[in-house]
Amino acid sequence: MTVKELYERLGADYDGAMERVFDEDLLKMLCGMFLEDKSYETLSAALSGKDYPAAFESAHTLKGVAANLGFTRLYDVSSALTESLRGGTPKGDVDGLYEKVKDEYDLTLTAVKELG
């Protein structure tokens, strides 16, 4: 799979990512680094332990990673979760938002692993 095909599969912003990075090989390397990012794992652990300030920080980090890579759908759901956790007190359906993040994260992770 090419980098562009990855972005098409994910409904992600390839053109925006290329505007930031300027080089497809570099973008591929950065996508590979996504596999090493631990913000999703720390988010999951923080929510499991009801540590909402830590969950906010992790969701915010994941949102930033997704934004920088142009992973639009992951950005959108992690942004919504971030806002529901802002201030350290959960607002709205945090569990439902987390499930959306989990689903989109899993899709993104699987696709990036296939990029090779």
PDB file of N, CA and C in Angstrom:
ATOM      1  N   MET A   1       0.846  -1.171   0.000  1.00  0.00           N
ATOM      2  CA  MET A   1       0.000   0.000   0.000  1.00  0.00           C
ATOM      3  C   MET A   1       0.895   1.240   0.000  1.00  0.00           C
ATOM      4  N   THR A   2       0.515   2.227  -0.778  1.00  0.00           N
ATOM      5  CA  THR A   2       1.262   3.481  -0.784  1.00  0.00           C
ATOM      6  C   THR A   2       0.754   4.390   0.330  1.00  0.00           C
ATOM      7  N   VAL A   3       1.499   5.438   0.601  1.00  0.00           N
ATOM      8  CA  VAL A   3       1.069   6.406   1.614  1.00  0.00           C
ATOM      9  C   VAL A   3      -0.262   7.034   1.195  1.00  0.00           C
ATOM     10  N   LYS A   4      -0.365   7.395  -0.059  1.00  0.00           N
ATOM     11  CA  LYS A   4      -1.614   8.009  -0.546  1.00  0.00           C
ATOM     12  C   LYS A   4      -2.785   7.041  -0.396  1.00  0.00           C
ATOM     13  N   GLU A   5      -2.561   5.768  -0.683  1.00  0.00           N
ATOM     14  CA  GLU A   5      -3.622   4.760  -0.518  1.00  0.00           C
ATOM     15  C   GLU A   5      -4.021   4.625   0.951  1.00  0.00           C
ATOM     16  N   LEU A   6      -3.048   4.705   1.847  1.00  0.00           N
ATOM     17  CA  LEU A   6      -3.347   4.682   3.284  1.00  0.00           C
ATOM     18  C   LEU A   6      -4.292   5.823   3.632  1.00  0.00           C
ATOM     19  N   TYR A   7      -3.952   7.002   3.178  1.00  0.00           N
ATOM     20  CA  TYR A   7      -4.761   8.177   3.481  1.00  0.00           C
ATOM     21  C   TYR A   7      -6.154   8.071   2.870  1.00  0.00           C
ATOM     22  N   GLU A   8      -6.247   7.546   1.670  1.00  0.00           N
ATOM     23  CA  GLU A   8      -7.561   7.345   1.047  1.00  0.00           C
ATOM     24  C   GLU A   8      -8.382   6.351   1.846  1.00  0.00           C
ATOM     25  N   ARG A   9      -7.750   5.277   2.267  1.00  0.00           N
ATOM     26  CA  ARG A   9      -8.444   4.238   3.052  1.00  0.00           C
ATOM     27  C   ARG A   9      -8.988   4.803   4.356  1.00  0.00           C
ATOM     28  N   LEU A  10      -8.211   5.694   4.974  1.00  0.00           N
ATOM     29  CA  LEU A  10      -8.618   6.256   6.264  1.00  0.00           C
ATOM     30  C   LEU A  10      -9.498   7.497   6.126  1.00  0.00           C
ATOM     31  N   GLY A  11      -9.728   7.950   4.900  1.00  0.00           N
ATOM     32  CA  GLY A  11     -10.464   9.204   4.723  1.00  0.00           C
ATOM     33  C   GLY A  11      -9.688  10.360   5.318  1.00  0.00           C
ATOM     34  N   ALA A  12      -8.365  10.270   5.247  1.00  0.00           N
ATOM     35  CA  ALA A  12      -7.475  11.238   5.890  1.00  0.00           C
ATOM     36  C   ALA A  12      -7.058  12.316   4.890  1.00  0.00           C
ATOM     37  N   ASP A  13      -6.410  13.350   5.403  1.00  0.00           N
ATOM     38  CA  ASP A  13      -6.037  14.533   4.625  1.00  0.00           C
ATOM     39  C   ASP A  13      -4.598  14.413   4.116  1.00  0.00           C
ATOM     40  N   TYR A  14      -4.437  13.672   3.027  1.00  0.00           N
ATOM     41  CA  TYR A  14      -3.115  13.475   2.427  1.00  0.00           C
ATOM     42  C   TYR A  14      -2.512  14.800   1.969  1.00  0.00           C
ATOM     43  N   ASP A  15      -3.292  15.610   1.282  1.00  0.00           N
ATOM     44  CA  ASP A  15      -2.772  16.877   0.755  1.00  0.00           C
ATOM     45  C   ASP A  15      -2.318  17.800   1.882  1.00  0.00           C
ATOM     46  N   GLY A  16      -3.100  17.877   2.939  1.00  0.00           N
ATOM     47  CA  GLY A  16      -2.716  18.710   4.086  1.00  0.00           C
ATOM     48  C   GLY A  16      -1.453  18.208   4.761  1.00  0.00           C
ATOM     49  N   ALA A  17      -1.341  16.893   4.896  1.00  0.00           N
ATOM     50  CA  ALA A  17      -0.141  16.314   5.510  1.00  0.00           C
ATOM     51  C   ALA A  17       1.081  16.588   4.640  1.00  0.00           C
ATOM     52  N   MET A  18       0.923  16.466   3.332  1.00  0.00           N
ATOM     53  CA  MET A  18       2.039  16.732   2.424  1.00  0.00           C
ATOM     54  C   MET A  18       2.430  18.211   2.430  1.00  0.00           C
ATOM     55  N   GLU A  19       1.470  19.088   2.648  1.00  0.00           N
ATOM     56  CA  GLU A  19       1.796  20.518   2.757  1.00  0.00           C
ATOM     57  C   GLU A  19       2.663  20.789   3.983  1.00  0.00           C
ATOM     58  N   ARG A  20       2.441  20.036   5.043  1.00  0.00           N
ATOM     59  CA  ARG A  20       3.226  20.214   6.264  1.00  0.00           C
ATOM     60  C   ARG A  20       4.595  19.549   6.166  1.00  0.00           C
ATOM     61  N   VAL A  21       4.667  18.410   5.479  1.00  0.00           N
ATOM     62  CA  VAL A  21       5.878  17.584   5.488  1.00  0.00           C
ATOM     63  C   VAL A  21       6.710  17.753   4.212  1.00  0.00           C
ATOM     64  N   PHE A  22       6.081  17.938   3.095  1.00  0.00           N
ATOM     65  CA  PHE A  22       6.731  18.169   1.793  1.00  0.00           C
ATOM     66  C   PHE A  22       7.380  16.945   1.167  1.00  0.00           C
ATOM     67  N   ASP A  23       7.389  15.812   1.830  1.00  0.00           N
ATOM     68  CA  ASP A  23       8.114  14.663   1.299  1.00  0.00           C
ATOM     69  C   ASP A  23       7.379  13.388   1.701  1.00  0.00           C
ATOM     70  N   GLU A  24       7.007  12.570   0.697  1.00  0.00           N
ATOM     71  CA  GLU A  24       6.224  11.374   0.992  1.00  0.00           C
ATOM     72  C   GLU A  24       7.007  10.345   1.805  1.00  0.00           C
ATOM     73  N   ASP A  25       8.308  10.240   1.587  1.00  0.00           N
ATOM     74  CA  ASP A  25       9.102   9.299   2.387  1.00  0.00           C
ATOM     75  C   ASP A  25       9.118   9.710   3.849  1.00  0.00           C
ATOM     76  N   LEU A  26       9.214  11.007   4.101  1.00  0.00           N
ATOM     77  CA  LEU A  26       9.170  11.507   5.477  1.00  0.00           C
ATOM     78  C   LEU A  26       7.793  11.262   6.082  1.00  0.00           C
ATOM     79  N   LEU A  27       6.750  11.490   5.299  1.00  0.00           N
ATOM     80  CA  LEU A  27       5.397  11.242   5.795  1.00  0.00           C
ATOM     81  C   LEU A  27       5.215   9.769   6.137  1.00  0.00           C
ATOM     82  N   LYS A  28       5.753   8.892   5.307  1.00  0.00           N
ATOM     83  CA  LYS A  28       5.677   7.451   5.596  1.00  0.00           C
ATOM     84  C   LYS A  28       6.397   7.132   6.905  1.00  0.00           C
ATOM     85  N   MET A  29       7.564   7.744   7.103  1.00  0.00           N
ATOM     86  CA  MET A  29       8.300   7.519   8.342  1.00  0.00           C
ATOM     87  C   MET A  29       7.493   8.017   9.553  1.00  0.00           C
ATOM     88  N   LEU A  30       6.870   9.186   9.406  1.00  0.00           N
ATOM     89  CA  LEU A  30       6.067   9.731  10.499  1.00  0.00           C
ATOM     90  C   LEU A  30       4.851   8.854  10.786  1.00  0.00           C
ATOM     91  N   CYS A  31       4.248   8.317   9.751  1.00  0.00           N
ATOM     92  CA  CYS A  31       3.135   7.378   9.960  1.00  0.00           C
ATOM     93  C   CYS A  31       3.622   6.156  10.735  1.00  0.00           C
ATOM     94  N   GLY A  32       4.829   5.692  10.413  1.00  0.00           N
ATOM     95  CA  GLY A  32       5.408   4.566  11.156  1.00  0.00           C
ATOM     96  C   GLY A  32       5.625   4.898  12.615  1.00  0.00           C
ATOM     97  N   MET A  33       5.980   6.142  12.889  1.00  0.00           N
ATOM     98  CA  MET A  33       6.182   6.572  14.277  1.00  0.00           C
ATOM     99  C   MET A  33       4.860   6.579  15.053  1.00  0.00           C
ATOM    100  N   PHE A  34       3.738   6.679  14.335  1.00  0.00           N
ATOM    101  CA  PHE A  34       2.421   6.599  14.975  1.00  0.00           C
ATOM    102  C   PHE A  34       2.291   5.289  15.748  1.00  0.00           C
ATOM    103  N   LEU A  35       2.898   4.236  15.213  1.00  0.00           N
ATOM    104  CA  LEU A  35       2.825   2.925  15.866  1.00  0.00           C
ATOM    105  C   LEU A  35       3.512   2.921  17.226  1.00  0.00           C
ATOM    106  N   GLU A  36       4.429   3.844  17.437  1.00  0.00           N
ATOM    107  CA  GLU A  36       5.180   3.919  18.695  1.00  0.00           C
ATOM    108  C   GLU A  36       4.561   4.871  19.710  1.00  0.00           C
ATOM    109  N   ASP A  37       3.610   5.675  19.264  1.00  0.00           N
ATOM    110  CA  ASP A  37       2.980   6.650  20.156  1.00  0.00           C
ATOM    111  C   ASP A  37       2.147   5.929  21.221  1.00  0.00           C
ATOM    112  N   LYS A  38       2.298   6.344  22.457  1.00  0.00           N
ATOM    113  CA  LYS A  38       1.622   5.677  23.576  1.00  0.00           C
ATOM    114  C   LYS A  38       0.423   6.455  24.127  1.00  0.00           C
ATOM    115  N   SER A  39       0.030   7.521  23.466  1.00  0.00           N
ATOM    116  CA  SER A  39      -1.049   8.347  24.020  1.00  0.00           C
ATOM    117  C   SER A  39      -2.373   7.589  24.111  1.00  0.00           C
ATOM    118  N   TYR A  40      -2.666   6.698  23.165  1.00  0.00           N
ATOM    119  CA  TYR A  40      -3.903   5.930  23.256  1.00  0.00           C
ATOM    120  C   TYR A  40      -3.877   4.988  24.461  1.00  0.00           C
ATOM    121  N   GLU A  41      -2.748   4.320  24.664  1.00  0.00           N
ATOM    122  CA  GLU A  41      -2.637   3.400  25.803  1.00  0.00           C
ATOM    123  C   GLU A  41      -2.772   4.148  27.128  1.00  0.00           C
ATOM    124  N   THR A  42      -2.143   5.315  27.225  1.00  0.00           N
ATOM    125  CA  THR A  42      -2.244   6.078  28.471  1.00  0.00           C
ATOM    126  C   THR A  42      -3.656   6.622  28.653  1.00  0.00           C
ATOM    127  N   LEU A  43      -4.313   6.961  27.552  1.00  0.00           N
ATOM    128  CA  LEU A  43      -5.715   7.386  27.625  1.00  0.00           C
ATOM    129  C   LEU A  43      -6.586   6.259  28.172  1.00  0.00           C
ATOM    130  N   SER A  44      -6.413   5.076  27.629  1.00  0.00           N
ATOM    131  CA  SER A  44      -7.207   3.924  28.077  1.00  0.00           C
ATOM    132  C   SER A  44      -6.990   3.643  29.558  1.00  0.00           C
ATOM    133  N   ALA A  45      -5.735   3.661  29.983  1.00  0.00           N
ATOM    134  CA  ALA A  45      -5.426   3.402  31.395  1.00  0.00           C
ATOM    135  C   ALA A  45      -6.004   4.490  32.291  1.00  0.00           C
ATOM    136  N   ALA A  46      -5.895   5.739  31.865  1.00  0.00           N
ATOM    137  CA  ALA A  46      -6.404   6.845  32.681  1.00  0.00           C
ATOM    138  C   ALA A  46      -7.921   6.767  32.816  1.00  0.00           C
ATOM    139  N   LEU A  47      -8.603   6.469  31.727  1.00  0.00           N
ATOM    140  CA  LEU A  47     -10.064   6.357  31.817  1.00  0.00           C
ATOM    141  C   LEU A  47     -10.473   5.164  32.668  1.00  0.00           C
ATOM    142  N   SER A  48      -9.738   4.067  32.543  1.00  0.00           N
ATOM    143  CA  SER A  48     -10.028   2.886  33.351  1.00  0.00           C
ATOM    144  C   SER A  48      -9.904   3.199  34.840  1.00  0.00           C
ATOM    145  N   GLY A  49      -8.910   4.019  35.183  1.00  0.00           N
ATOM    146  CA  GLY A  49      -8.702   4.397  36.571  1.00  0.00           C
ATOM    147  C   GLY A  49      -9.451   5.657  36.989  1.00  0.00           C
ATOM    148  N   LYS A  50     -10.288   6.172  36.082  1.00  0.00           N
ATOM    149  CA  LYS A  50     -11.067   7.392  36.332  1.00  0.00           C
ATOM    150  C   LYS A  50     -10.180   8.588  36.694  1.00  0.00           C
ATOM    151  N   ASP A  51      -8.976   8.597  36.117  1.00  0.00           N
ATOM    152  CA  ASP A  51      -8.057   9.729  36.284  1.00  0.00           C
ATOM    153  C   ASP A  51      -8.312  10.686  35.121  1.00  0.00           C
ATOM    154  N   TYR A  52      -9.333  11.524  35.288  1.00  0.00           N
ATOM    155  CA  TYR A  52      -9.793  12.364  34.193  1.00  0.00           C
ATOM    156  C   TYR A  52      -8.797  13.450  33.771  1.00  0.00           C
ATOM    157  N   PRO A  53      -8.034  14.043  34.687  1.00  0.00           N
ATOM    158  CA  PRO A  53      -7.014  14.992  34.217  1.00  0.00           C
ATOM    159  C   PRO A  53      -5.967  14.316  33.325  1.00  0.00           C
ATOM    160  N   ALA A  54      -5.531  13.119  33.697  1.00  0.00           N
ATOM    161  CA  ALA A  54      -4.570  12.391  32.862  1.00  0.00           C
ATOM    162  C   ALA A  54      -5.214  11.950  31.547  1.00  0.00           C
ATOM    163  N   ALA A  55      -6.483  11.575  31.609  1.00  0.00           N
ATOM    164  CA  ALA A  55      -7.203  11.188  30.390  1.00  0.00           C
ATOM    165  C   ALA A  55      -7.295  12.380  29.442  1.00  0.00           C
ATOM    166  N   PHE A  56      -7.551  13.556  29.984  1.00  0.00           N
ATOM    167  CA  PHE A  56      -7.593  14.765  29.160  1.00  0.00           C
ATOM    168  C   PHE A  56      -6.257  14.973  28.461  1.00  0.00           C
ATOM    169  N   GLU A  57      -5.164  14.888  29.212  1.00  0.00           N
ATOM    170  CA  GLU A  57      -3.832  15.103  28.624  1.00  0.00           C
ATOM    171  C   GLU A  57      -3.550  14.093  27.514  1.00  0.00           C
ATOM    172  N   SER A  58      -3.907  12.852  27.744  1.00  0.00           N
ATOM    173  CA  SER A  58      -3.663  11.809  26.741  1.00  0.00           C
ATOM    174  C   SER A  58      -4.542  11.998  25.508  1.00  0.00           C
ATOM    175  N   ALA A  59      -5.808  12.336  25.725  1.00  0.00           N
ATOM    176  CA  ALA A  59      -6.705  12.584  24.589  1.00  0.00           C
ATOM    177  C   ALA A  59      -6.220  13.785  23.786  1.00  0.00           C
ATOM    178  N   HIS A  60      -5.751  14.806  24.490  1.00  0.00           N
ATOM    179  CA  HIS A  60      -5.239  16.006  23.832  1.00  0.00           C
ATOM    180  C   HIS A  60      -3.994  15.674  23.007  1.00  0.00           C
ATOM    181  N   THR A  61      -3.128  14.850  23.538  1.00  0.00           N
ATOM    182  CA  THR A  61      -1.931  14.430  22.808  1.00  0.00           C
ATOM    183  C   THR A  61      -2.305  13.624  21.574  1.00  0.00           C
ATOM    184  N   LEU A  62      -3.219  12.682  21.727  1.00  0.00           N
ATOM    185  CA  LEU A  62      -3.669  11.875  20.592  1.00  0.00           C
ATOM    186  C   LEU A  62      -4.291  12.760  19.521  1.00  0.00           C
ATOM    187  N   LYS A  63      -5.074  13.729  19.942  1.00  0.00           N
ATOM    188  CA  LYS A  63      -5.670  14.682  19.004  1.00  0.00           C
ATOM    189  C   LYS A  63      -4.585  15.409  18.216  1.00  0.00           C
ATOM    190  N   GLY A  64      -3.538  15.840  18.889  1.00  0.00           N
ATOM    191  CA  GLY A  64      -2.441  16.541  18.222  1.00  0.00           C
ATOM    192  C   GLY A  64      -1.692  15.666  17.241  1.00  0.00           C
ATOM    193  N   VAL A  65      -1.443  14.429  17.636  1.00  0.00           N
ATOM    194  CA  VAL A  65      -0.767  13.482  16.741  1.00  0.00           C
ATOM    195  C   VAL A  65      -1.617  13.278  15.489  1.00  0.00           C
ATOM    196  N   ALA A  66      -2.911  13.059  15.691  1.00  0.00           N
ATOM    197  CA  ALA A  66      -3.815  12.842  14.558  1.00  0.00           C
ATOM    198  C   ALA A  66      -3.881  14.080  13.665  1.00  0.00           C
ATOM    199  N   ALA A  67      -3.907  15.259  14.259  1.00  0.00           N
ATOM    200  CA  ALA A  67      -3.956  16.497  13.482  1.00  0.00           C
ATOM    201  C   ALA A  67      -2.697  16.659  12.641  1.00  0.00           C
ATOM    202  N   ASN A  68      -1.546  16.441  13.254  1.00  0.00           N
ATOM    203  CA  ASN A  68      -0.287  16.607  12.537  1.00  0.00           C
ATOM    204  C   ASN A  68      -0.140  15.634  11.381  1.00  0.00           C
ATOM    205  N   LEU A  69      -0.657  14.425  11.546  1.00  0.00           N
ATOM    206  CA  LEU A  69      -0.565  13.426  10.484  1.00  0.00           C
ATOM    207  C   LEU A  69      -1.701  13.536   9.469  1.00  0.00           C
ATOM    208  N   GLY A  70      -2.695  14.364   9.765  1.00  0.00           N
ATOM    209  CA  GLY A  70      -3.830  14.500   8.853  1.00  0.00           C
ATOM    210  C   GLY A  70      -4.813  13.354   8.944  1.00  0.00           C
ATOM    211  N   PHE A  71      -4.800  12.629  10.058  1.00  0.00           N
ATOM    212  CA  PHE A  71      -5.749  11.531  10.281  1.00  0.00           C
ATOM    213  C   PHE A  71      -7.061  12.144  10.759  1.00  0.00           C
ATOM    214  N   THR A  72      -7.847  12.620   9.832  1.00  0.00           N
ATOM    215  CA  THR A  72      -9.012  13.456  10.094  1.00  0.00           C
ATOM    216  C   THR A  72     -10.035  12.806  11.016  1.00  0.00           C
ATOM    217  N   ARG A  73     -10.409  11.592  10.721  1.00  0.00           N
ATOM    218  CA  ARG A  73     -11.456  10.951  11.539  1.00  0.00           C
ATOM    219  C   ARG A  73     -10.977  10.695  12.959  1.00  0.00           C
ATOM    220  N   LEU A  74      -9.733  10.276  13.110  1.00  0.00           N
ATOM    221  CA  LEU A  74      -9.191  10.077  14.459  1.00  0.00           C
ATOM    222  C   LEU A  74      -9.096  11.414  15.178  1.00  0.00           C
ATOM    223  N   TYR A  75      -8.705  12.449  14.464  1.00  0.00           N
ATOM    224  CA  TYR A  75      -8.659  13.790  15.050  1.00  0.00           C
ATOM    225  C   TYR A  75     -10.053  14.211  15.535  1.00  0.00           C
ATOM    226  N   ASP A  76     -11.056  14.022  14.706  1.00  0.00           N
ATOM    227  CA  ASP A  76     -12.406  14.473  15.058  1.00  0.00           C
ATOM    228  C   ASP A  76     -12.922  13.805  16.336  1.00  0.00           C
ATOM    229  N   VAL A  77     -12.762  12.488  16.434  1.00  0.00           N
ATOM    230  CA  VAL A  77     -13.294  11.793  17.613  1.00  0.00           C
ATOM    231  C   VAL A  77     -12.443  12.071  18.853  1.00  0.00           C
ATOM    232  N   SER A  78     -11.126  12.166  18.685  1.00  0.00           N
ATOM    233  CA  SER A  78     -10.284  12.456  19.849  1.00  0.00           C
ATOM    234  C   SER A  78     -10.469  13.907  20.306  1.00  0.00           C
ATOM    235  N   SER A  79     -10.781  14.788  19.380  1.00  0.00           N
ATOM    236  CA  SER A  79     -11.070  16.177  19.739  1.00  0.00           C
ATOM    237  C   SER A  79     -12.352  16.257  20.576  1.00  0.00           C
ATOM    238  N   ALA A  80     -13.365  15.527  20.152  1.00  0.00           N
ATOM    239  CA  ALA A  80     -14.623  15.514  20.915  1.00  0.00           C
ATOM    240  C   ALA A  80     -14.401  14.952  22.316  1.00  0.00           C
ATOM    241  N   LEU A  81     -13.609  13.892  22.423  1.00  0.00           N
ATOM    242  CA  LEU A  81     -13.314  13.318  23.738  1.00  0.00           C
ATOM    243  C   LEU A  81     -12.509  14.301  24.579  1.00  0.00           C
ATOM    244  N   THR A  82     -11.542  14.955  23.966  1.00  0.00           N
ATOM    245  CA  THR A  82     -10.738  15.945  24.688  1.00  0.00           C
ATOM    246  C   THR A  82     -11.630  17.007  25.307  1.00  0.00           C
ATOM    247  N   GLU A  83     -12.565  17.516  24.530  1.00  0.00           N
ATOM    248  CA  GLU A  83     -13.448  18.579  25.035  1.00  0.00           C
ATOM    249  C   GLU A  83     -14.355  18.064  26.152  1.00  0.00           C
ATOM    250  N   SER A  84     -14.761  16.805  26.069  1.00  0.00           N
ATOM    251  CA  SER A  84     -15.621  16.260  27.122  1.00  0.00           C
ATOM    252  C   SER A  84     -14.852  16.039  28.427  1.00  0.00           C
ATOM    253  N   LEU A  85     -13.519  16.011  28.340  1.00  0.00           N
ATOM    254  CA  LEU A  85     -12.681  15.810  29.528  1.00  0.00           C
ATOM    255  C   LEU A  85     -12.023  17.098  30.018  1.00  0.00           C
ATOM    256  N   ARG A  86     -12.170  18.174  29.255  1.00  0.00           N
ATOM    257  CA  ARG A  86     -11.525  19.442  29.607  1.00  0.00           C
ATOM    258  C   ARG A  86     -11.969  19.900  31.000  1.00  0.00           C
ATOM    259  N   GLY A  87     -11.015  20.326  31.789  1.00  0.00           N
ATOM    260  CA  GLY A  87     -11.307  20.788  33.144  1.00  0.00           C
ATOM    261  C   GLY A  87     -11.214  19.687  34.186  1.00  0.00           C
ATOM    262  N   GLY A  88     -10.956  18.466  33.753  1.00  0.00           N
ATOM    263  CA  GLY A  88     -10.766  17.378  34.707  1.00  0.00           C
ATOM    264  C   GLY A  88     -12.040  16.736  35.205  1.00  0.00           C
ATOM    265  N   THR A  89     -13.198  17.266  34.784  1.00  0.00           N
ATOM    266  CA  THR A  89     -14.470  16.677  35.162  1.00  0.00           C
ATOM    267  C   THR A  89     -15.179  16.239  33.890  1.00  0.00           C
ATOM    268  N   PRO A  90     -15.499  14.955  33.766  1.00  0.00           N
ATOM    269  CA  PRO A  90     -16.106  14.488  32.526  1.00  0.00           C
ATOM    270  C   PRO A  90     -17.478  15.116  32.278  1.00  0.00           C
ATOM    271  N   LYS A  91     -17.693  15.470  31.021  1.00  0.00           N
ATOM    272  CA  LYS A  91     -18.976  16.035  30.608  1.00  0.00           C
ATOM    273  C   LYS A  91     -19.502  15.213  29.436  1.00  0.00           C
ATOM    274  N   GLY A  92     -20.767  14.934  29.443  1.00  0.00           N
ATOM    275  CA  GLY A  92     -21.364  14.190  28.338  1.00  0.00           C
ATOM    276  C   GLY A  92     -21.059  12.706  28.414  1.00  0.00           C
ATOM    277  N   ASP A  93     -21.146  12.076  27.268  1.00  0.00           N
ATOM    278  CA  ASP A  93     -20.999  10.625  27.165  1.00  0.00           C
ATOM    279  C   ASP A  93     -19.535  10.256  26.916  1.00  0.00           C
ATOM    280  N   VAL A  94     -18.722  10.336  27.963  1.00  0.00           N
ATOM    281  CA  VAL A  94     -17.295  10.032  27.834  1.00  0.00           C
ATOM    282  C   VAL A  94     -17.093   8.598  27.353  1.00  0.00           C
ATOM    283  N   ASP A  95     -17.855   7.668  27.890  1.00  0.00           N
ATOM    284  CA  ASP A  95     -17.692   6.267  27.487  1.00  0.00           C
ATOM    285  C   ASP A  95     -18.011   6.075  26.004  1.00  0.00           C
ATOM    286  N   GLY A  96     -19.072   6.686  25.540  1.00  0.00           N
ATOM    287  CA  GLY A  96     -19.444   6.593  24.129  1.00  0.00           C
ATOM    288  C   GLY A  96     -18.410   7.236  23.226  1.00  0.00           C
ATOM    289  N   LEU A  97     -17.891   8.386  23.645  1.00  0.00           N
ATOM    290  CA  LEU A  97     -16.851   9.052  22.870  1.00  0.00           C
ATOM    291  C   LEU A  97     -15.575   8.226  22.849  1.00  0.00           C
ATOM    292  N   TYR A  98     -15.245   7.632  23.988  1.00  0.00           N
ATOM    293  CA  TYR A  98     -14.053   6.784  24.039  1.00  0.00           C
ATOM    294  C   TYR A  98     -14.198   5.595  23.087  1.00  0.00           C
ATOM    295  N   GLU A  99     -15.387   5.001  23.018  1.00  0.00           N
ATOM    296  CA  GLU A  99     -15.607   3.872  22.103  1.00  0.00           C
ATOM    297  C   GLU A  99     -15.376   4.298  20.657  1.00  0.00           C
ATOM    298  N   LYS A 100     -15.786   5.515  20.306  1.00  0.00           N
ATOM    299  CA  LYS A 100     -15.546   6.022  18.948  1.00  0.00           C
ATOM    300  C   LYS A 100     -14.049   6.207  18.705  1.00  0.00           C
ATOM    301  N   VAL A 101     -13.350   6.727  19.708  1.00  0.00           N
ATOM    302  CA  VAL A 101     -11.902   6.877  19.594  1.00  0.00           C
ATOM    303  C   VAL A 101     -11.260   5.502  19.427  1.00  0.00           C
ATOM    304  N   LYS A 102     -11.674   4.555  20.251  1.00  0.00           N
ATOM    305  CA  LYS A 102     -11.121   3.195  20.186  1.00  0.00           C
ATOM    306  C   LYS A 102     -11.317   2.601  18.800  1.00  0.00           C
ATOM    307  N   ASP A 103     -12.525   2.714  18.267  1.00  0.00           N
ATOM    308  CA  ASP A 103     -12.813   2.145  16.951  1.00  0.00           C
ATOM    309  C   ASP A 103     -11.947   2.791  15.867  1.00  0.00           C
ATOM    310  N   GLU A 104     -11.871   4.106  15.881  1.00  0.00           N
ATOM    311  CA  GLU A 104     -11.095   4.806  14.862  1.00  0.00           C
ATOM    312  C   GLU A 104      -9.597   4.567  15.044  1.00  0.00           C
ATOM    313  N   TYR A 105      -9.156   4.511  16.291  1.00  0.00           N
ATOM    314  CA  TYR A 105      -7.743   4.220  16.561  1.00  0.00           C
ATOM    315  C   TYR A 105      -7.385   2.834  16.032  1.00  0.00           C
ATOM    316  N   ASP A 106      -8.231   1.856  16.293  1.00  0.00           N
ATOM    317  CA  ASP A 106      -7.969   0.489  15.832  1.00  0.00           C
ATOM    318  C   ASP A 106      -7.898   0.427  14.306  1.00  0.00           C
ATOM    319  N   LEU A 107      -8.812   1.110  13.619  1.00  0.00           N
ATOM    320  CA  LEU A 107      -8.786   1.147  12.153  1.00  0.00           C
ATOM    321  C   LEU A 107      -7.496   1.794  11.650  1.00  0.00           C
ATOM    322  N   THR A 108      -7.120   2.899  12.277  1.00  0.00           N
ATOM    323  CA  THR A 108      -5.921   3.625  11.872  1.00  0.00           C
ATOM    324  C   THR A 108      -4.682   2.783  12.116  1.00  0.00           C
ATOM    325  N   LEU A 109      -4.609   2.195  13.298  1.00  0.00           N
ATOM    326  CA  LEU A 109      -3.457   1.356  13.640  1.00  0.00           C
ATOM    327  C   LEU A 109      -3.292   0.205  12.660  1.00  0.00           C
ATOM    328  N   THR A 110      -4.360  -0.478  12.360  1.00  0.00           N
ATOM    329  CA  THR A 110      -4.324  -1.607  11.425  1.00  0.00           C
ATOM    330  C   THR A 110      -3.839  -1.157  10.047  1.00  0.00           C
ATOM    331  N   ALA A 111      -4.374  -0.049   9.571  1.00  0.00           N
ATOM    332  CA  ALA A 111      -4.001   0.450   8.244  1.00  0.00           C
ATOM    333  C   ALA A 111      -2.527   0.879   8.213  1.00  0.00           C
ATOM    334  N   VAL A 112      -2.072   1.564   9.246  1.00  0.00           N
ATOM    335  CA  VAL A 112      -0.683   2.020   9.276  1.00  0.00           C
ATOM    336  C   VAL A 112       0.267   0.817   9.323  1.00  0.00           C
ATOM    337  N   LYS A 113      -0.111  -0.231  10.050  1.00  0.00           N
ATOM    338  CA  LYS A 113       0.719  -1.435  10.092  1.00  0.00           C
ATOM    339  C   LYS A 113       0.845  -2.053   8.714  1.00  0.00           C
ATOM    340  N   GLU A 114      -0.187  -1.946   7.910  1.00  0.00           N
ATOM    341  CA  GLU A 114      -0.159  -2.513   6.559  1.00  0.00           C
ATOM    342  C   GLU A 114       0.674  -1.669   5.600  1.00  0.00           C
ATOM    343  N   LEU A 115       0.979  -0.433   5.990  1.00  0.00           N
ATOM    344  CA  LEU A 115       1.779   0.444   5.142  1.00  0.00           C
ATOM    345  C   LEU A 115       3.178  -0.129   4.949  1.00  0.00           C
ATOM    346  N   GLY A 116       3.666  -0.784   6.010  1.00  0.00           N
ATOM    347  CA  GLY A 116       4.964  -1.431   5.925  1.00  0.00           C
ATOM    348  C   GLY A 116       6.043  -0.470   5.799  1.00  0.00           C
TER     349      GLY A 116
END
